[in-house]
Amino acid sequence: MLYQEIEKKFGKSFYTRVDQGTTAEQKATFKNLTPEKVTATSLAGDSITAKLTNAPGNGASIGGLKVVSSGGWFAARPSGTENIYKIYAESFKSEEHLQKILNEASKIVDGALG
């Protein structure tokens, strides 16, 4: 019931997590990621408003990358045990928009990892 009240007030969001295969070398590169390595300026049709590798509150490393736009966001972090990275994504618009975020997230992360 509380969640429905929140959705009424702020709107529905769409969220998912997927695993993306990577190499051990790329996985190690996550430690050296900086926001400047992200060259994209938009995410699923919306301008990117933030590229983060550190938490804004305390400056601590987030162990990956977070890219934010007005319409949604994604975060990518390497697995501690497998040669994969995990993409967490949320759209504030629709399921279709979420799929666009996911498609672009893989390309953005792969580009930043080199």
Protein backbone atom coordinates (compact mmCIF):
# COMPACT_ATOMS: atom_id res chain seq x y z
CA MET A 1 0.00 0.00 0.00
CA LEU A 2 2.81 2.41 0.84
CA TYR A 3 4.50 1.70 -2.49
CA GLN A 4 1.29 2.50 -4.41
CA GLU A 5 1.11 5.83 -2.59
CA ILE A 6 4.70 6.59 -3.56
CA GLU A 7 3.95 5.68 -7.20
CA LYS A 8 0.90 7.96 -7.17
CA LYS A 9 2.98 10.84 -5.88
CA PHE A 10 6.17 10.36 -7.92
CA GLY A 11 5.18 8.09 -10.83
CA LYS A 12 6.10 4.54 -11.69
CA SER A 13 9.68 3.52 -12.30
CA PHE A 14 11.08 0.51 -14.16
CA TYR A 15 14.15 -1.33 -12.84
CA THR A 16 16.28 -4.31 -13.79
CA ARG A 17 19.71 -5.86 -13.38
CA VAL A 18 21.59 -7.79 -16.05
CA ASP A 19 24.97 -9.49 -16.24
CA GLN A 20 27.35 -8.63 -19.05
CA GLY A 21 30.32 -10.83 -19.99
CA THR A 22 33.77 -9.25 -19.81
CA THR A 23 37.42 -10.20 -19.77
CA ALA A 24 39.61 -10.33 -16.67
CA GLU A 25 41.57 -7.38 -18.06
CA GLN A 26 38.45 -5.25 -18.55
CA LYS A 27 37.19 -6.25 -15.12
CA ALA A 28 40.45 -5.00 -13.58
CA THR A 29 40.06 -1.71 -15.48
CA PHE A 30 36.97 -0.86 -13.39
CA LYS A 31 39.40 0.16 -10.60
CA ASN A 32 40.83 2.90 -12.83
CA LEU A 33 37.57 4.26 -14.25
CA THR A 34 37.06 8.00 -14.08
CA PRO A 35 34.04 10.02 -15.21
CA GLU A 36 36.18 11.53 -17.99
CA LYS A 37 36.45 8.12 -19.65
CA VAL A 38 32.73 8.30 -20.47
CA THR A 39 32.44 10.16 -23.76
CA ALA A 40 28.67 9.80 -24.23
CA THR A 41 26.59 12.94 -23.77
CA SER A 42 23.15 11.32 -23.79
CA LEU A 43 21.46 8.24 -22.37
CA ALA A 44 18.37 6.85 -24.12
CA GLY A 45 17.55 10.24 -25.61
CA ASP A 46 18.16 12.32 -22.47
CA SER A 47 21.20 14.46 -21.69
CA ILE A 48 23.58 12.93 -19.18
CA THR A 49 23.58 14.99 -15.99
CA ALA A 50 26.17 13.02 -13.97
CA LYS A 51 28.97 10.51 -14.48
CA LEU A 52 30.10 9.11 -11.14
CA THR A 53 32.82 6.78 -9.90
CA ASN A 54 32.68 8.15 -6.35
CA ALA A 55 29.70 8.67 -4.05
CA PRO A 56 28.62 12.33 -3.96
CA GLY A 57 27.99 12.28 -0.21
CA ASN A 58 31.33 11.11 1.12
CA GLY A 59 33.59 10.73 -1.94
CA ALA A 60 34.01 6.98 -1.41
CA SER A 61 34.62 4.84 -4.48
CA ILE A 62 31.48 3.11 -5.74
CA GLY A 63 33.58 0.33 -7.29
CA GLY A 64 32.24 1.02 -10.75
CA LEU A 65 30.43 3.64 -12.78
CA LYS A 66 27.05 5.38 -12.50
CA VAL A 67 25.59 7.46 -15.33
CA VAL A 68 22.52 9.62 -14.64
CA SER A 69 20.04 11.48 -16.86
CA SER A 70 16.71 13.15 -16.18
CA GLY A 71 14.90 10.05 -17.49
CA GLY A 72 16.85 7.33 -15.70
CA TRP A 73 20.24 5.96 -14.74
CA PHE A 74 22.49 2.93 -14.82
CA ALA A 75 25.32 1.69 -12.66
CA ALA A 76 27.90 -0.93 -13.64
CA ARG A 77 30.06 -2.87 -11.20
CA PRO A 78 32.34 -5.85 -11.71
CA SER A 79 31.55 -9.20 -10.13
CA GLY A 80 33.87 -10.28 -7.35
CA THR A 81 33.93 -13.88 -8.55
CA GLU A 82 33.16 -14.10 -12.28
CA ASN A 83 34.28 -12.40 -15.49
CA ILE A 84 31.10 -10.36 -15.70
CA TYR A 85 29.95 -6.92 -14.74
CA LYS A 86 26.50 -6.18 -13.46
CA ILE A 87 24.37 -3.40 -14.90
CA TYR A 88 21.68 -1.97 -12.65
CA ALA A 89 19.28 0.31 -14.52
CA GLU A 90 16.17 2.34 -13.83
CA SER A 91 13.87 4.33 -16.11
CA PHE A 92 11.42 6.91 -14.89
CA LYS A 93 9.51 6.70 -18.19
CA SER A 94 8.69 3.18 -19.44
CA GLU A 95 9.79 -0.40 -19.95
CA GLU A 96 10.84 0.49 -23.52
CA HIS A 97 12.97 3.36 -22.23
CA LEU A 98 14.58 1.00 -19.72
CA GLN A 99 15.58 -1.31 -22.59
CA LYS A 100 17.18 1.66 -24.39
CA ILE A 101 19.13 2.50 -21.24
CA LEU A 102 20.37 -1.09 -21.00
CA ASN A 103 21.40 -1.20 -24.66
CA GLU A 104 23.34 2.04 -24.38
CA ALA A 105 24.80 1.19 -20.96
CA SER A 106 26.76 -1.78 -22.35
CA LYS A 107 28.22 0.40 -25.12
CA ILE A 108 29.09 3.23 -22.73
CA VAL A 109 30.78 0.90 -20.24
CA ASP A 110 32.68 -1.03 -22.92
CA GLY A 111 33.88 2.27 -24.40
CA ALA A 112 35.04 3.55 -21.01
CA LEU A 113 36.87 0.28 -20.27
CA GLY A 114 38.71 0.52 -23.59
